[in-house]
N, C-alpha and C. Protein backbone atom coordinates (compact mmCIF):
# COMPACT_ATOMS: atom_id res chain seq x y z
N MET A 1 0.94 -1.30 0.43
CA MET A 1 -0.05 -0.02 0.41
C MET A 1 0.96 1.31 0.02
N THR A 2 0.96 2.02 -1.21
CA THR A 2 1.05 3.79 -0.67
C THR A 2 0.96 4.59 0.23
N ASP A 3 2.55 5.27 0.82
CA ASP A 3 1.57 6.42 1.73
C ASP A 3 0.92 7.01 0.88
N PRO A 4 0.01 7.84 1.29
CA PRO A 4 -0.08 8.95 0.19
C PRO A 4 0.39 10.29 0.98
N LEU A 5 1.24 10.30 2.24
CA LEU A 5 2.08 11.57 2.73
C LEU A 5 3.23 11.58 1.79
N ALA A 6 3.56 10.39 1.11
CA ALA A 6 4.67 10.67 1.01
C ALA A 6 5.21 11.39 -0.18
N PRO A 7 4.80 11.76 -0.94
CA PRO A 7 4.81 12.88 -1.85
C PRO A 7 4.92 14.45 -0.83
N LEU A 8 4.24 14.91 -0.13
CA LEU A 8 4.52 15.56 0.46
C LEU A 8 5.32 15.42 1.88
N ARG A 9 5.40 14.34 1.94
CA ARG A 9 7.60 14.53 3.37
C ARG A 9 8.43 14.80 1.93
N ALA A 10 8.05 13.96 0.91
CA ALA A 10 9.05 14.78 -0.08
C ALA A 10 9.82 16.25 -0.47
N ARG A 11 8.77 16.88 0.12
CA ARG A 11 8.53 18.46 -0.71
C ARG A 11 9.21 18.70 1.23
N PHE A 12 8.74 18.26 2.12
CA PHE A 12 8.94 18.59 3.45
C PHE A 12 10.56 18.57 3.30
N ARG A 13 10.84 17.43 3.02
CA ARG A 13 12.95 17.32 3.26
C ARG A 13 13.24 18.10 1.90
N LEU A 14 13.01 18.74 0.67
CA LEU A 14 13.54 19.79 0.36
C LEU A 14 13.20 21.13 0.81
N ARG A 15 12.37 21.43 1.42
CA ARG A 15 11.84 22.89 2.15
C ARG A 15 12.45 22.73 3.67
N ALA A 16 12.80 21.38 4.03
CA ALA A 16 14.25 21.91 5.31
C ALA A 16 15.31 22.06 5.03
N ALA A 17 16.17 21.71 3.76
CA ALA A 17 17.27 22.39 3.31
C ALA A 17 16.98 23.89 3.20
N GLU A 18 16.08 24.47 2.64
CA GLU A 18 16.10 25.72 1.50
C GLU A 18 15.65 26.37 3.41
N ASP A 19 14.88 25.94 4.57
CA ASP A 19 14.51 26.45 5.68
C ASP A 19 16.16 26.68 6.17
N LEU A 20 16.69 25.59 6.74
CA LEU A 20 18.29 25.86 7.05
C LEU A 20 18.96 27.30 6.57
N THR A 21 19.10 27.15 5.40
CA THR A 21 19.78 28.14 4.58
C THR A 21 18.85 29.50 5.44
N ARG A 22 17.71 29.22 4.96
CA ARG A 22 16.74 30.92 5.59
C ARG A 22 16.92 31.13 7.24
N LEU A 23 17.49 29.93 8.13
CA LEU A 23 17.22 30.03 9.22
C LEU A 23 19.11 31.16 9.43
N GLN A 24 19.68 30.73 8.91
CA GLN A 24 21.33 31.04 8.99
C GLN A 24 21.73 32.02 8.47
N ALA A 25 20.56 32.86 7.43
CA ALA A 25 20.55 34.07 7.70
C ALA A 25 19.85 35.16 7.98
N LEU A 26 19.09 34.15 8.90
CA LEU A 26 17.60 34.84 9.75
C LEU A 26 18.89 35.22 10.79
N ARG A 27 19.64 34.23 11.10
CA ARG A 27 19.99 34.49 12.52
C ARG A 27 21.02 35.59 12.44
N GLN A 28 22.37 36.02 11.24
CA GLN A 28 23.48 36.16 11.40
C GLN A 28 22.55 38.15 10.95
N ALA A 29 21.23 38.33 10.13
CA ALA A 29 20.99 39.37 10.17
C ALA A 29 20.19 40.19 11.55
N GLY A 30 19.79 38.96 12.67
CA GLY A 30 19.14 38.81 13.87
C GLY A 30 17.47 39.39 14.03
N ASP A 31 17.17 38.96 12.85
CA ASP A 31 15.39 38.61 12.80
C ASP A 31 14.91 38.26 13.79
N ALA A 32 14.70 38.63 14.84
CA ALA A 32 14.11 37.79 15.70
C ALA A 32 12.63 37.55 15.07
N ALA A 33 11.67 38.40 14.40
CA ALA A 33 10.24 37.65 14.57
C ALA A 33 10.06 37.15 13.48
N GLU A 34 11.49 36.99 12.45
CA GLU A 34 10.99 35.77 10.98
C GLU A 34 12.02 35.59 11.93
N LEU A 35 12.73 34.91 12.43
CA LEU A 35 12.95 33.54 13.30
C LEU A 35 12.26 33.37 13.82
N ARG A 36 11.26 33.78 14.50
CA ARG A 36 10.12 33.09 15.83
C ARG A 36 8.83 32.40 14.26
N ARG A 37 8.27 33.38 13.27
CA ARG A 37 8.08 33.11 12.21
C ARG A 37 7.86 31.81 11.79
N LEU A 38 9.46 31.65 11.43
CA LEU A 38 9.78 30.40 10.86
C LEU A 38 9.91 29.19 11.29
N ALA A 39 10.39 29.42 12.97
CA ALA A 39 11.12 28.55 13.96
C ALA A 39 8.94 27.55 14.05
N HIS A 40 7.86 28.93 14.48
CA HIS A 40 7.23 27.85 14.81
C HIS A 40 6.30 27.58 13.44
N GLY A 41 6.63 28.02 12.17
CA GLY A 41 5.84 26.85 11.55
C GLY A 41 6.68 26.02 10.98
N ILE A 42 8.43 25.53 11.21
CA ILE A 42 8.27 24.10 10.89
C ILE A 42 8.17 23.56 12.34
N SER A 43 8.43 24.34 13.48
CA SER A 43 7.50 23.56 14.23
C SER A 43 6.15 22.38 14.06
N GLY A 44 5.13 22.93 13.50
CA GLY A 44 3.90 22.52 12.97
C GLY A 44 4.45 21.66 11.80
N ALA A 45 4.75 22.05 10.80
CA ALA A 45 4.83 20.69 10.36
C ALA A 45 5.96 19.46 9.79
N ALA A 46 6.57 19.80 11.13
CA ALA A 46 7.52 18.88 11.13
C ALA A 46 6.99 17.87 12.03
N GLY A 47 5.83 17.90 12.67
CA GLY A 47 5.30 16.96 13.68
C GLY A 47 3.86 16.65 12.51
N THR A 48 3.31 17.36 12.19
CA THR A 48 2.57 16.90 10.85
C THR A 48 3.19 15.37 10.05
N PHE A 49 4.33 16.03 9.73
CA PHE A 49 5.15 14.72 8.49
C PHE A 49 5.74 13.80 9.36
N GLY A 50 5.86 13.78 10.81
CA GLY A 50 6.74 12.51 11.88
C GLY A 50 8.07 12.67 11.52
N PHE A 51 8.67 13.91 11.68
CA PHE A 51 9.63 14.62 12.48
C PHE A 51 9.76 15.12 13.96
N PRO A 52 9.51 14.44 14.20
CA PRO A 52 9.30 15.02 16.03
C PRO A 52 10.82 15.58 16.39
N ASP A 53 11.79 14.98 16.39
CA ASP A 53 13.15 15.54 16.78
C ASP A 53 13.10 17.36 16.07
N LEU A 54 12.81 17.22 15.26
CA LEU A 54 13.10 18.48 14.34
C LEU A 54 11.58 19.27 15.23
N SER A 55 10.46 19.05 14.92
CA SER A 55 9.62 19.81 15.50
C SER A 55 9.07 19.94 17.35
N GLU A 56 9.96 19.17 17.96
CA GLU A 56 10.64 19.49 19.04
C GLU A 56 12.38 20.78 19.42
N ALA A 57 12.78 20.32 18.37
CA ALA A 57 14.01 21.71 18.55
C ALA A 57 13.56 22.64 17.92
N ALA A 58 12.75 23.14 17.16
CA ALA A 58 12.20 23.95 16.30
C ALA A 58 11.14 24.43 17.35
N GLY A 59 10.53 24.38 18.26
CA GLY A 59 9.32 24.28 19.33
C GLY A 59 9.98 25.23 20.24
N ARG A 60 10.93 24.62 20.59
CA ARG A 60 11.45 25.74 21.68
C ARG A 60 12.32 27.19 21.07
N ILE A 61 13.02 26.91 20.27
CA ILE A 61 13.03 28.51 19.99
C ILE A 61 11.77 29.21 19.79
N ASP A 62 10.91 28.41 19.08
CA ASP A 62 9.83 29.37 19.38
C ASP A 62 9.34 29.57 20.75
N ASP A 63 9.37 28.38 21.82
CA ASP A 63 8.95 29.01 23.00
C ASP A 63 9.52 29.99 23.24
N ASP A 64 11.20 30.26 23.14
CA ASP A 64 11.77 31.15 24.11
C ASP A 64 11.53 32.35 23.70
N TYR A 65 11.40 32.54 22.25
CA TYR A 65 10.78 33.96 21.32
C TYR A 65 9.87 34.26 22.12
N VAL A 66 8.55 33.35 22.02
CA VAL A 66 7.38 33.75 22.66
C VAL A 66 7.27 34.17 24.41
N ALA A 67 8.23 33.70 24.87
CA ALA A 67 8.57 34.01 26.64
C ALA A 67 9.49 35.31 26.59
N GLY A 68 10.12 36.16 25.46
CA GLY A 68 10.41 37.06 25.32
C GLY A 68 12.07 36.71 25.73
N GLN A 69 12.12 35.58 25.62
CA GLN A 69 13.78 35.12 26.00
C GLN A 69 14.70 34.72 24.38
N THR A 70 15.83 35.05 24.22
CA THR A 70 16.65 34.96 23.49
C THR A 70 17.06 33.56 23.20
N PRO A 71 16.50 32.56 21.76
CA PRO A 71 17.36 31.13 22.21
C PRO A 71 18.78 31.09 22.18
N THR A 72 19.15 30.15 22.98
CA THR A 72 20.96 29.88 22.96
C THR A 72 20.95 29.68 21.32
N SER A 73 22.13 29.56 21.66
CA SER A 73 23.50 28.96 20.24
C SER A 73 22.63 27.27 20.47
N GLU A 74 23.71 26.50 21.55
CA GLU A 74 22.63 25.21 21.35
C GLU A 74 21.56 25.27 21.08
N ALA A 75 20.55 25.76 21.14
CA ALA A 75 19.66 25.86 20.86
C ALA A 75 19.15 25.63 19.34
N PHE A 76 20.23 26.96 18.47
CA PHE A 76 19.49 26.84 17.51
C PHE A 76 20.55 26.16 16.72
N ALA A 77 21.96 25.16 17.03
CA ALA A 77 22.78 24.27 16.18
C ALA A 77 22.06 23.15 16.58
N ARG A 78 20.94 22.84 17.39
CA ARG A 78 19.90 21.58 17.63
C ARG A 78 19.04 21.08 16.54
N LEU A 79 18.58 23.10 16.07
CA LEU A 79 17.78 22.91 15.30
C LEU A 79 18.70 22.65 13.60
N GLU A 80 19.34 23.38 13.49
CA GLU A 80 20.23 23.44 12.54
C GLU A 80 20.49 21.57 12.54
N ARG A 81 20.96 21.15 13.09
CA ARG A 81 21.07 19.69 13.08
C ARG A 81 19.53 18.60 12.75
N ALA A 82 18.79 18.91 12.76
CA ALA A 82 17.52 18.28 13.04
C ALA A 82 16.99 18.57 11.48
N LEU A 83 17.45 20.00 11.33
CA LEU A 83 16.99 20.39 9.98
C LEU A 83 17.88 19.29 8.99
N GLU A 84 19.27 19.03 9.03
CA GLU A 84 19.95 18.95 8.00
C GLU A 84 19.61 17.21 8.41
N ALA A 85 19.28 16.60 9.01
CA ALA A 85 18.70 15.33 9.35
C ALA A 85 17.70 14.76 9.35
N ALA A 86 16.41 15.90 8.63
CA ALA A 86 15.02 16.31 8.16
C ALA A 86 15.53 15.60 6.38
N ALA A 87 16.49 16.38 6.21
CA ALA A 87 16.59 17.41 4.64
C ALA A 87 17.24 15.70 3.78
N ALA A 88 17.97 15.05 4.80
CA ALA A 88 19.01 13.81 4.62
C ALA A 88 18.10 12.71 4.70
N SER A 89 17.34 12.79 5.45
CA SER A 89 16.28 11.06 5.03
C SER A 89 15.08 10.87 4.04
N GLY A 90 15.36 9.95 4.26
CA GLY A 90 13.76 9.35 3.22
C GLY A 90 13.17 8.52 3.67
N ASP A 91 11.94 7.79 2.91
CA ASP A 91 10.66 7.19 3.54
C ASP A 91 10.89 6.24 3.23
């Protein structure tokens, strides 16, 4: 039986690679508002498509911004690793 979500997961993996590039550019620019929006979107989509580690890492960044805190470098590194893993994964 074919997984009906497989094509969407494949697109999500491609987007994960793009999101990694965008995340790095936004961090360099210091754009907290866009970083929060990106993390929030990644968290929700990753959970939907079966990437719980990525969802959790992005959710942590989102939660920090919502709480008025700056996420740690380690939190960003964890998100970057999770994005890389999602982009490299296959069904």
